PDB file of N, CA and C in Angstrom:
ATOM      1  N   MET A   1       0.820  -1.202   0.000  1.00  0.00           N
ATOM      2  CA  MET A   1       0.000   0.000   0.000  1.00  0.00           C
ATOM      3  C   MET A   1       0.862   1.263   0.000  1.00  0.00           C
ATOM      4  N   SER A   2       1.957   1.254   0.679  1.00  0.00           N
ATOM      5  CA  SER A   2       2.798   2.444   0.766  1.00  0.00           C
ATOM      6  C   SER A   2       3.400   2.809  -0.597  1.00  0.00           C
ATOM      7  N   ARG A   3       3.674   1.795  -1.422  1.00  0.00           N
ATOM      8  CA  ARG A   3       4.185   2.090  -2.771  1.00  0.00           C
ATOM      9  C   ARG A   3       3.124   2.790  -3.610  1.00  0.00           C
ATOM     10  N   THR A   4       1.897   2.422  -3.468  1.00  0.00           N
ATOM     11  CA  THR A   4       0.820   3.040  -4.224  1.00  0.00           C
ATOM     12  C   THR A   4       0.645   4.492  -3.795  1.00  0.00           C
ATOM     13  N   VAL A   5       0.708   4.748  -2.499  1.00  0.00           N
ATOM     14  CA  VAL A   5       0.571   6.108  -1.983  1.00  0.00           C
ATOM     15  C   VAL A   5       1.756   6.962  -2.457  1.00  0.00           C
ATOM     16  N   LEU A   6       2.963   6.393  -2.406  1.00  0.00           N
ATOM     17  CA  LEU A   6       4.139   7.116  -2.857  1.00  0.00           C
ATOM     18  C   LEU A   6       4.057   7.442  -4.348  1.00  0.00           C
ATOM     19  N   ALA A   7       3.610   6.479  -5.140  1.00  0.00           N
ATOM     20  CA  ALA A   7       3.457   6.712  -6.575  1.00  0.00           C
ATOM     21  C   ALA A   7       2.415   7.782  -6.840  1.00  0.00           C
ATOM     22  N   ALA A   8       1.326   7.764  -6.113  1.00  0.00           N
ATOM     23  CA  ALA A   8       0.274   8.762  -6.289  1.00  0.00           C
ATOM     24  C   ALA A   8       0.784  10.146  -5.907  1.00  0.00           C
ATOM     25  N   LEU A   9       1.540  10.229  -4.828  1.00  0.00           N
ATOM     26  CA  LEU A   9       2.092  11.521  -4.421  1.00  0.00           C
ATOM     27  C   LEU A   9       3.064  12.064  -5.467  1.00  0.00           C
ATOM     28  N   LEU A  10       3.884  11.183  -6.026  1.00  0.00           N
ATOM     29  CA  LEU A  10       4.827  11.618  -7.047  1.00  0.00           C
ATOM     30  C   LEU A  10       4.115  12.104  -8.305  1.00  0.00           C
ATOM     31  N   LEU A  11       3.026  11.449  -8.659  1.00  0.00           N
ATOM     32  CA  LEU A  11       2.285  11.850  -9.847  1.00  0.00           C
ATOM     33  C   LEU A  11       1.514  13.151  -9.634  1.00  0.00           C
ATOM     34  N   LEU A  12       1.062  13.388  -8.412  1.00  0.00           N
ATOM     35  CA  LEU A  12       0.247  14.564  -8.143  1.00  0.00           C
ATOM     36  C   LEU A  12       1.070  15.786  -7.740  1.00  0.00           C
ATOM     37  N   THR A  13       2.324  15.594  -7.360  1.00  0.00           N
ATOM     38  CA  THR A  13       3.168  16.715  -6.952  1.00  0.00           C
ATOM     39  C   THR A  13       3.627  17.463  -8.198  1.00  0.00           C
ATOM     40  N   PRO A  14       3.397  18.777  -8.250  1.00  0.00           N
ATOM     41  CA  PRO A  14       3.844  19.534  -9.428  1.00  0.00           C
ATOM     42  C   PRO A  14       5.374  19.556  -9.495  1.00  0.00           C
ATOM     43  N   VAL A  15       5.839  19.342 -10.687  1.00  0.00           N
ATOM     44  CA  VAL A  15       7.276  19.356 -10.906  1.00  0.00           C
ATOM     45  C   VAL A  15       7.669  20.766 -11.334  1.00  0.00           C
ATOM     46  N   THR A  16       8.491  21.401 -10.532  1.00  0.00           N
ATOM     47  CA  THR A  16       8.903  22.764 -10.851  1.00  0.00           C
ATOM     48  C   THR A  16      10.393  22.855 -11.157  1.00  0.00           C
ATOM     49  N   ALA A  17      10.971  21.730 -11.441  1.00  0.00           N
ATOM     50  CA  ALA A  17      12.400  21.744 -11.746  1.00  0.00           C
ATOM     51  C   ALA A  17      12.619  22.403 -13.107  1.00  0.00           C
ATOM     52  N   HIS A  18      13.549  23.293 -13.162  1.00  0.00           N
ATOM     53  CA  HIS A  18      13.884  23.991 -14.396  1.00  0.00           C
ATOM     54  C   HIS A  18      15.304  23.623 -14.793  1.00  0.00           C
ATOM     55  N   ALA A  19      15.517  23.556 -16.052  1.00  0.00           N
ATOM     56  CA  ALA A  19      16.882  23.347 -16.529  1.00  0.00           C
ATOM     57  C   ALA A  19      17.684  24.608 -16.225  1.00  0.00           C
ATOM     58  N   ALA A  20      18.939  24.417 -15.978  1.00  0.00           N
ATOM     59  CA  ALA A  20      19.793  25.571 -15.694  1.00  0.00           C
ATOM     60  C   ALA A  20      19.859  26.473 -16.916  1.00  0.00           C
ATOM     61  N   CYS A  21      19.778  27.759 -16.668  1.00  0.00           N
ATOM     62  CA  CYS A  21      19.867  28.723 -17.756  1.00  0.00           C
ATOM     63  C   CYS A  21      21.336  28.907 -18.121  1.00  0.00           C
ATOM     64  N   THR A  22      21.614  28.904 -19.398  1.00  0.00           N
ATOM     65  CA  THR A  22      22.983  29.057 -19.869  1.00  0.00           C
ATOM     66  C   THR A  22      23.148  30.413 -20.534  1.00  0.00           C
ATOM     67  N   ALA A  23      24.056  31.188 -19.988  1.00  0.00           N
ATOM     68  CA  ALA A  23      24.314  32.517 -20.555  1.00  0.00           C
ATOM     69  C   ALA A  23      25.074  32.373 -21.874  1.00  0.00           C
ATOM     70  N   PRO A  24      24.694  33.152 -22.885  1.00  0.00           N
ATOM     71  CA  PRO A  24      25.399  33.076 -24.171  1.00  0.00           C
ATOM     72  C   PRO A  24      26.772  33.724 -24.087  1.00  0.00           C
ATOM     73  N   MET A  25      27.641  33.310 -24.965  1.00  0.00           N
ATOM     74  CA  MET A  25      28.983  33.892 -25.042  1.00  0.00           C
ATOM     75  C   MET A  25      29.041  34.827 -26.257  1.00  0.00           C
ATOM     76  N   PRO A  26      29.557  36.035 -26.053  1.00  0.00           N
ATOM     77  CA  PRO A  26      29.666  36.946 -27.202  1.00  0.00           C
ATOM     78  C   PRO A  26      30.758  36.468 -28.152  1.00  0.00           C
ATOM     79  N   PRO A  27      30.643  36.846 -29.418  1.00  0.00           N
ATOM     80  CA  PRO A  27      31.717  36.480 -30.346  1.00  0.00           C
ATOM     81  C   PRO A  27      33.000  37.213 -29.945  1.00  0.00           C
ATOM     82  N   PRO A  28      34.145  36.572 -30.137  1.00  0.00           N
ATOM     83  CA  PRO A  28      35.398  37.237 -29.765  1.00  0.00           C
ATOM     84  C   PRO A  28      35.625  38.512 -30.577  1.00  0.00           C
ATOM     85  N   ALA A  29      36.089  39.540 -29.905  1.00  0.00           N
ATOM     86  CA  ALA A  29      36.366  40.808 -30.586  1.00  0.00           C
ATOM     87  C   ALA A  29      37.466  40.640 -31.627  1.00  0.00           C
ATOM     88  N   SER A  30      38.284  39.619 -31.451  1.00  0.00           N
ATOM     89  CA  SER A  30      39.365  39.384 -32.419  1.00  0.00           C
ATOM     90  C   SER A  30      38.823  38.960 -33.785  1.00  0.00           C
ATOM     91  N   GLU A  31      37.555  38.508 -33.831  1.00  0.00           N
ATOM     92  CA  GLU A  31      36.943  38.107 -35.099  1.00  0.00           C
ATOM     93  C   GLU A  31      36.329  39.287 -35.846  1.00  0.00           C
ATOM     94  N   LYS A  32      36.255  40.445 -35.180  1.00  0.00           N
ATOM     95  CA  LYS A  32      35.672  41.624 -35.824  1.00  0.00           C
ATOM     96  C   LYS A  32      36.602  42.075 -36.946  1.00  0.00           C
ATOM     97  N   PRO A  33      36.094  42.153 -38.175  1.00  0.00           N
ATOM     98  CA  PRO A  33      36.973  42.543 -39.278  1.00  0.00           C
ATOM     99  C   PRO A  33      37.334  44.028 -39.213  1.00  0.00           C
ATOM    100  N   VAL A  34      38.484  44.333 -39.750  1.00  0.00           N
ATOM    101  CA  VAL A  34      38.962  45.718 -39.789  1.00  0.00           C
ATOM    102  C   VAL A  34      38.673  46.284 -41.180  1.00  0.00           C
ATOM    103  N   LYS A  35      37.984  47.418 -41.192  1.00  0.00           N
ATOM    104  CA  LYS A  35      37.643  48.050 -42.466  1.00  0.00           C
ATOM    105  C   LYS A  35      38.914  48.548 -43.143  1.00  0.00           C
ATOM    106  N   PRO A  36      39.051  48.288 -44.451  1.00  0.00           N
ATOM    107  CA  PRO A  36      40.248  48.785 -45.142  1.00  0.00           C
ATOM    108  C   PRO A  36      40.261  50.318 -45.180  1.00  0.00           C
ATOM    109  N   ALA A  37      41.458  50.845 -45.162  1.00  0.00           N
ATOM    110  CA  ALA A  37      41.616  52.301 -45.172  1.00  0.00           C
ATOM    111  C   ALA A  37      41.614  52.823 -46.608  1.00  0.00           C
ATOM    112  N   LEU A  38      40.952  53.945 -46.788  1.00  0.00           N
ATOM    113  CA  LEU A  38      40.978  54.608 -48.096  1.00  0.00           C
ATOM    114  C   LEU A  38      42.377  55.144 -48.351  1.00  0.00           C
ATOM    115  N   PRO A  39      42.834  55.104 -49.596  1.00  0.00           N
ATOM    116  CA  PRO A  39      44.138  55.709 -49.874  1.00  0.00           C
ATOM    117  C   PRO A  39      44.046  57.223 -49.709  1.00  0.00           C
ATOM    118  N   GLN A  40      45.145  57.817 -49.322  1.00  0.00           N
ATOM    119  CA  GLN A  40      45.169  59.264 -49.116  1.00  0.00           C
ATOM    120  C   GLN A  40      44.997  59.979 -50.452  1.00  0.00           C
ATOM    121  N   LYS A  41      44.080  60.903 -50.443  1.00  0.00           N
ATOM    122  CA  LYS A  41      43.784  61.666 -51.664  1.00  0.00           C
ATOM    123  C   LYS A  41      44.880  62.703 -51.883  1.00  0.00           C
ATOM    124  N   PRO A  42      45.487  62.724 -53.058  1.00  0.00           N
ATOM    125  CA  PRO A  42      46.525  63.727 -53.294  1.00  0.00           C
ATOM    126  C   PRO A  42      45.917  65.130 -53.384  1.00  0.00           C
ATOM    127  N   ALA A  43      46.659  66.103 -52.876  1.00  0.00           N
ATOM    128  CA  ALA A  43      46.178  67.496 -52.860  1.00  0.00           C
ATOM    129  C   ALA A  43      45.953  68.026 -54.267  1.00  0.00           C
ATOM    130  N   CYS A  44      46.752  67.545 -55.212  1.00  0.00           N
ATOM    131  CA  CYS A  44      46.631  68.050 -56.573  1.00  0.00           C
ATOM    132  C   CYS A  44      45.318  67.643 -57.239  1.00  0.00           C
ATOM    133  N   LEU A  45      44.634  66.678 -56.657  1.00  0.00           N
ATOM    134  CA  LEU A  45      43.384  66.209 -57.251  1.00  0.00           C
ATOM    135  C   LEU A  45      42.327  67.309 -57.253  1.00  0.00           C
ATOM    136  N   ASP A  46      42.333  68.143 -56.225  1.00  0.00           N
ATOM    137  CA  ASP A  46      41.372  69.244 -56.128  1.00  0.00           C
ATOM    138  C   ASP A  46      41.893  70.533 -56.749  1.00  0.00           C
ATOM    139  N   ALA A  47      43.129  70.543 -57.148  1.00  0.00           N
ATOM    140  CA  ALA A  47      43.717  71.759 -57.731  1.00  0.00           C
ATOM    141  C   ALA A  47      43.161  71.986 -59.134  1.00  0.00           C
ATOM    142  N   LYS A  48      43.223  73.218 -59.563  1.00  0.00           N
ATOM    143  CA  LYS A  48      42.670  73.584 -60.872  1.00  0.00           C
ATOM    144  C   LYS A  48      43.357  72.848 -62.016  1.00  0.00           C
ATOM    145  N   GLY A  49      44.648  72.677 -61.925  1.00  0.00           N
ATOM    146  CA  GLY A  49      45.388  72.020 -62.999  1.00  0.00           C
ATOM    147  C   GLY A  49      45.348  70.503 -62.945  1.00  0.00           C
ATOM    148  N   GLY A  50      44.876  69.940 -61.830  1.00  0.00           N
ATOM    149  CA  GLY A  50      44.826  68.485 -61.703  1.00  0.00           C
ATOM    150  C   GLY A  50      46.173  67.905 -61.301  1.00  0.00           C
ATOM    151  N   CYS A  51      46.274  66.616 -61.365  1.00  0.00           N
ATOM    152  CA  CYS A  51      47.480  65.903 -60.954  1.00  0.00           C
ATOM    153  C   CYS A  51      48.295  65.487 -62.170  1.00  0.00           C
ATOM    154  N   PRO A  52      49.610  65.355 -61.964  1.00  0.00           N
ATOM    155  CA  PRO A  52      50.412  64.758 -63.030  1.00  0.00           C
ATOM    156  C   PRO A  52      49.970  63.313 -63.237  1.00  0.00           C
ATOM    157  N   GLY A  53      50.196  62.797 -64.405  1.00  0.00           N
ATOM    158  CA  GLY A  53      49.723  61.454 -64.726  1.00  0.00           C
ATOM    159  C   GLY A  53      50.117  60.389 -63.733  1.00  0.00           C
ATOM    160  N   TRP A  54      51.383  60.364 -63.321  1.00  0.00           N
ATOM    161  CA  TRP A  54      51.837  59.307 -62.414  1.00  0.00           C
ATOM    162  C   TRP A  54      51.118  59.360 -61.073  1.00  0.00           C
ATOM    163  N   GLU A  55      50.844  60.576 -60.570  1.00  0.00           N
ATOM    164  CA  GLU A  55      50.170  60.699 -59.274  1.00  0.00           C
ATOM    165  C   GLU A  55      48.705  60.288 -59.394  1.00  0.00           C
ATOM    166  N   ALA A  56      48.083  60.635 -60.477  1.00  0.00           N
ATOM    167  CA  ALA A  56      46.695  60.232 -60.703  1.00  0.00           C
ATOM    168  C   ALA A  56      46.598  58.717 -60.840  1.00  0.00           C
ATOM    169  N   TYR A  57      47.544  58.122 -61.569  1.00  0.00           N
ATOM    170  CA  TYR A  57      47.526  56.662 -61.737  1.00  0.00           C
ATOM    171  C   TYR A  57      47.798  55.952 -60.410  1.00  0.00           C
ATOM    172  N   THR A  58      48.682  56.508 -59.610  1.00  0.00           N
ATOM    173  CA  THR A  58      48.980  55.906 -58.302  1.00  0.00           C
ATOM    174  C   THR A  58      47.741  55.937 -57.410  1.00  0.00           C
ATOM    175  N   TYR A  59      47.048  57.069 -57.395  1.00  0.00           N
ATOM    176  CA  TYR A  59      45.831  57.184 -56.593  1.00  0.00           C
ATOM    177  C   TYR A  59      44.751  56.234 -57.124  1.00  0.00           C
ATOM    178  N   ASN A  60      44.623  56.148 -58.434  1.00  0.00           N
ATOM    179  CA  ASN A  60      43.641  55.253 -59.041  1.00  0.00           C
ATOM    180  C   ASN A  60      43.948  53.792 -58.674  1.00  0.00           C
ATOM    181  N   ASP A  61      45.220  53.418 -58.687  1.00  0.00           N
ATOM    182  CA  ASP A  61      45.596  52.060 -58.290  1.00  0.00           C
ATOM    183  C   ASP A  61      45.255  51.797 -56.825  1.00  0.00           C
ATOM    184  N   GLY A  62      45.452  52.817 -55.990  1.00  0.00           N
ATOM    185  CA  GLY A  62      45.087  52.687 -54.574  1.00  0.00           C
ATOM    186  C   GLY A  62      43.593  52.498 -54.388  1.00  0.00           C
ATOM    187  N   ILE A  63      42.807  53.212 -55.173  1.00  0.00           N
ATOM    188  CA  ILE A  63      41.344  53.071 -55.107  1.00  0.00           C
ATOM    189  C   ILE A  63      40.932  51.672 -55.573  1.00  0.00           C
ATOM    190  N   LYS A  64      41.556  51.171 -56.627  1.00  0.00           N
ATOM    191  CA  LYS A  64      41.247  49.816 -57.105  1.00  0.00           C
ATOM    192  C   LYS A  64      41.575  48.774 -56.042  1.00  0.00           C
ATOM    193  N   ALA A  65      42.721  48.938 -55.380  1.00  0.00           N
ATOM    194  CA  ALA A  65      43.108  48.006 -54.313  1.00  0.00           C
ATOM    195  C   ALA A  65      42.112  48.076 -53.152  1.00  0.00           C
ATOM    196  N   TYR A  66      41.673  49.284 -52.806  1.00  0.00           N
ATOM    197  CA  TYR A  66      40.682  49.480 -51.748  1.00  0.00           C
ATOM    198  C   TYR A  66      39.373  48.774 -52.104  1.00  0.00           C
ATOM    199  N   ASN A  67      38.914  48.978 -53.335  1.00  0.00           N
ATOM    200  CA  ASN A  67      37.675  48.340 -53.782  1.00  0.00           C
ATOM    201  C   ASN A  67      37.792  46.813 -53.760  1.00  0.00           C
ATOM    202  N   ALA A  68      38.972  46.292 -54.071  1.00  0.00           N
ATOM    203  CA  ALA A  68      39.180  44.838 -54.040  1.00  0.00           C
ATOM    204  C   ALA A  68      39.119  44.296 -52.613  1.00  0.00           C
ATOM    205  N   GLN A  69      39.493  45.108 -51.640  1.00  0.00           N
ATOM    206  CA  GLN A  69      39.468  44.677 -50.238  1.00  0.00           C
ATOM    207  C   GLN A  69      38.074  44.766 -49.627  1.00  0.00           C
ATOM    208  N   LEU A  70      37.193  45.545 -50.242  1.00  0.00           N
ATOM    209  CA  LEU A  70      35.853  45.723 -49.675  1.00  0.00           C
ATOM    210  C   LEU A  70      35.024  44.442 -49.706  1.00  0.00           C
ATOM    211  N   GLY A  71      35.182  43.627 -50.749  1.00  0.00           N
ATOM    212  CA  GLY A  71      34.410  42.382 -50.833  1.00  0.00           C
ATOM    213  C   GLY A  71      34.686  41.443 -49.662  1.00  0.00           C
ATOM    214  N   PRO A  72      35.955  41.098 -49.413  1.00  0.00           N
ATOM    215  CA  PRO A  72      36.249  40.248 -48.262  1.00  0.00           C
ATOM    216  C   PRO A  72      35.864  40.898 -46.923  1.00  0.00           C
ATOM    217  N   TYR A  73      36.023  42.214 -46.834  1.00  0.00           N
ATOM    218  CA  TYR A  73      35.619  42.899 -45.602  1.00  0.00           C
ATOM    219  C   TYR A  73      34.115  42.746 -45.377  1.00  0.00           C
ATOM    220  N   ARG A  74      33.345  42.941 -46.427  1.00  0.00           N
ATOM    221  CA  ARG A  74      31.887  42.834 -46.298  1.00  0.00           C
ATOM    222  C   ARG A  74      31.488  41.430 -45.871  1.00  0.00           C
ATOM    223  N   THR A  75      32.108  40.419 -46.466  1.00  0.00           N
ATOM    224  CA  THR A  75      31.806  39.036 -46.099  1.00  0.00           C
ATOM    225  C   THR A  75      32.090  38.804 -44.618  1.00  0.00           C
ATOM    226  N   GLY A  76      33.247  39.275 -44.161  1.00  0.00           N
ATOM    227  CA  GLY A  76      33.599  39.126 -42.745  1.00  0.00           C
ATOM    228  C   GLY A  76      32.686  39.910 -41.831  1.00  0.00           C
ATOM    229  N   ALA A  77      32.322  41.116 -42.241  1.00  0.00           N
ATOM    230  CA  ALA A  77      31.443  41.950 -41.426  1.00  0.00           C
ATOM    231  C   ALA A  77      30.048  41.334 -41.309  1.00  0.00           C
ATOM    232  N   GLU A  78      29.547  40.763 -42.399  1.00  0.00           N
ATOM    233  CA  GLU A  78      28.236  40.110 -42.353  1.00  0.00           C
ATOM    234  C   GLU A  78      28.270  38.878 -41.456  1.00  0.00           C
ATOM    235  N   ALA A  79      29.349  38.114 -41.515  1.00  0.00           N
ATOM    236  CA  ALA A  79      29.478  36.928 -40.656  1.00  0.00           C
ATOM    237  C   ALA A  79      29.539  37.351 -39.190  1.00  0.00           C
ATOM    238  N   TYR A  80      30.283  38.387 -38.900  1.00  0.00           N
ATOM    239  CA  TYR A  80      30.390  38.875 -37.524  1.00  0.00           C
ATOM    240  C   TYR A  80      29.046  39.421 -37.048  1.00  0.00           C
ATOM    241  N   ALA A  81      28.325  40.105 -37.917  1.00  0.00           N
ATOM    242  CA  ALA A  81      27.001  40.630 -37.563  1.00  0.00           C
ATOM    243  C   ALA A  81      26.025  39.497 -37.251  1.00  0.00           C
ATOM    244  N   ARG A  82      26.120  38.387 -38.001  1.00  0.00           N
ATOM    245  CA  ARG A  82      25.262  37.229 -37.710  1.00  0.00           C
ATOM    246  C   ARG A  82      25.583  36.663 -36.328  1.00  0.00           C
ATOM    247  N   LYS A  83      26.859  36.614 -35.985  1.00  0.00           N
ATOM    248  CA  LYS A  83      27.245  36.118 -34.661  1.00  0.00           C
ATOM    249  C   LYS A  83      26.754  37.056 -33.562  1.00  0.00           C
ATOM    250  N   LEU A  84      26.815  38.357 -33.812  1.00  0.00           N
ATOM    251  CA  LEU A  84      26.304  39.319 -32.839  1.00  0.00           C
ATOM    252  C   LEU A  84      24.794  39.175 -32.661  1.00  0.00           C
ATOM    253  N   LYS A  85      24.082  38.951 -33.757  1.00  0.00           N
ATOM    254  CA  LYS A  85      22.632  38.769 -33.667  1.00  0.00           C
ATOM    255  C   LYS A  85      22.298  37.497 -32.888  1.00  0.00           C
ATOM    256  N   ALA A  86      23.048  36.432 -33.152  1.00  0.00           N
ATOM    257  CA  ALA A  86      22.831  35.177 -32.409  1.00  0.00           C
ATOM    258  C   ALA A  86      23.093  35.396 -30.921  1.00  0.00           C
ATOM    259  N   TYR A  87      24.104  36.182 -30.608  1.00  0.00           N
ATOM    260  CA  TYR A  87      24.403  36.492 -29.213  1.00  0.00           C
ATOM    261  C   TYR A  87      23.259  37.293 -28.582  1.00  0.00           C
ATOM    262  N   ALA A  88      22.753  38.284 -29.302  1.00  0.00           N
ATOM    263  CA  ALA A  88      21.639  39.088 -28.789  1.00  0.00           C
ATOM    264  C   ALA A  88      20.393  38.225 -28.585  1.00  0.00           C
ATOM    265  N   ASP A  89      20.103  37.345 -29.550  1.00  0.00           N
ATOM    266  CA  ASP A  89      18.951  36.452 -29.423  1.00  0.00           C
ATOM    267  C   ASP A  89      19.154  35.500 -28.240  1.00  0.00           C
ATOM    268  N   GLY A  90      20.369  35.009 -28.075  1.00  0.00           N
ATOM    269  CA  GLY A  90      20.669  34.124 -26.947  1.00  0.00           C
ATOM    270  C   GLY A  90      20.538  34.847 -25.615  1.00  0.00           C
ATOM    271  N   SER A  91      20.873  36.129 -25.601  1.00  0.00           N
ATOM    272  CA  SER A  91      20.742  36.912 -24.378  1.00  0.00           C
ATOM    273  C   SER A  91      19.279  37.069 -23.983  1.00  0.00           C
ATOM    274  N   VAL A  92      18.424  37.271 -24.972  1.00  0.00           N
ATOM    275  CA  VAL A  92      16.981  37.374 -24.697  1.00  0.00           C
ATOM    276  C   VAL A  92      16.461  36.040 -24.170  1.00  0.00           C
ATOM    277  N   ALA A  93      16.874  34.935 -24.801  1.00  0.00           N
ATOM    278  CA  ALA A  93      16.442  33.619 -24.346  1.00  0.00           C
ATOM    279  C   ALA A  93      16.934  33.349 -22.921  1.00  0.00           C
ATOM    280  N   TYR A  94      18.162  33.762 -22.632  1.00  0.00           N
ATOM    281  CA  TYR A  94      18.713  33.576 -21.288  1.00  0.00           C
ATOM    282  C   TYR A  94      17.917  34.390 -20.269  1.00  0.00           C
ATOM    283  N   ALA A  95      17.616  35.639 -20.590  1.00  0.00           N
ATOM    284  CA  ALA A  95      16.840  36.479 -19.672  1.00  0.00           C
ATOM    285  C   ALA A  95      15.454  35.884 -19.433  1.00  0.00           C
ATOM    286  N   ASN A  96      14.816  35.390 -20.485  1.00  0.00           N
ATOM    287  CA  ASN A  96      13.502  34.760 -20.328  1.00  0.00           C
ATOM    288  C   ASN A  96      13.595  33.516 -19.461  1.00  0.00           C
ATOM    289  N   CYS A  97      14.631  32.728 -19.641  1.00  0.00           N
ATOM    290  CA  CYS A  97      14.822  31.528 -18.831  1.00  0.00           C
ATOM    291  C   CYS A  97      14.996  31.903 -17.362  1.00  0.00           C
ATOM    292  N   GLU A  98      15.803  32.919 -17.090  1.00  0.00           N
ATOM    293  CA  GLU A  98      16.009  33.359 -15.711  1.00  0.00           C
ATOM    294  C   GLU A  98      14.704  33.877 -15.108  1.00  0.00           C
ATOM    295  N   MET A  99      13.908  34.600 -15.886  1.00  0.00           N
ATOM    296  CA  MET A  99      12.634  35.101 -15.377  1.00  0.00           C
ATOM    297  C   MET A  99      11.697  33.938 -15.057  1.00  0.00           C
ATOM    298  N   GLN A 100      11.686  32.929 -15.926  1.00  0.00           N
ATOM    299  CA  GLN A 100      10.817  31.776 -15.678  1.00  0.00           C
ATOM    300  C   GLN A 100      11.273  30.992 -14.451  1.00  0.00           C
ATOM    301  N   SER A 101      12.567  30.997 -14.179  1.00  0.00           N
ATOM    302  CA  SER A 101      13.048  30.262 -13.010  1.00  0.00           C
ATOM    303  C   SER A 101      12.617  30.940 -11.713  1.00  0.00           C
ATOM    304  N   LEU A 102      12.216  32.207 -11.782  1.00  0.00           N
ATOM    305  CA  LEU A 102      11.752  32.911 -10.588  1.00  0.00           C
ATOM    306  C   LEU A 102      10.293  32.590 -10.262  1.00  0.00           C
ATOM    307  N   GLN A 103       9.597  32.016 -11.198  1.00  0.00           N
ATOM    308  CA  GLN A 103       8.158  31.737 -10.983  1.00  0.00           C
ATOM    309  C   GLN A 103       7.968  30.482 -10.185  1.00  0.00           C
TER     310      GLN A 103
END
């Protein structure tokens, strides 16, 4: 008889055990991509006479190199932004879990 009473008590007792809430980890700052620097604009570019050919070509080559670096930077920045969003979403889930554990 005591086993039946114990089983009934276990079935009727509300279970309020909660899984432990796990705090999310932010993405490492070392993964944040560094934006490429624009090449320095030569002063002669704004001058009335313009730049000598070699200086204009050098600046143009710098701009081309900058534009080539933007693609990989954008890919890295988008990946890092996705990790930041996942961290923010995980933080909300963690806060909700902690709030539910107080009930």
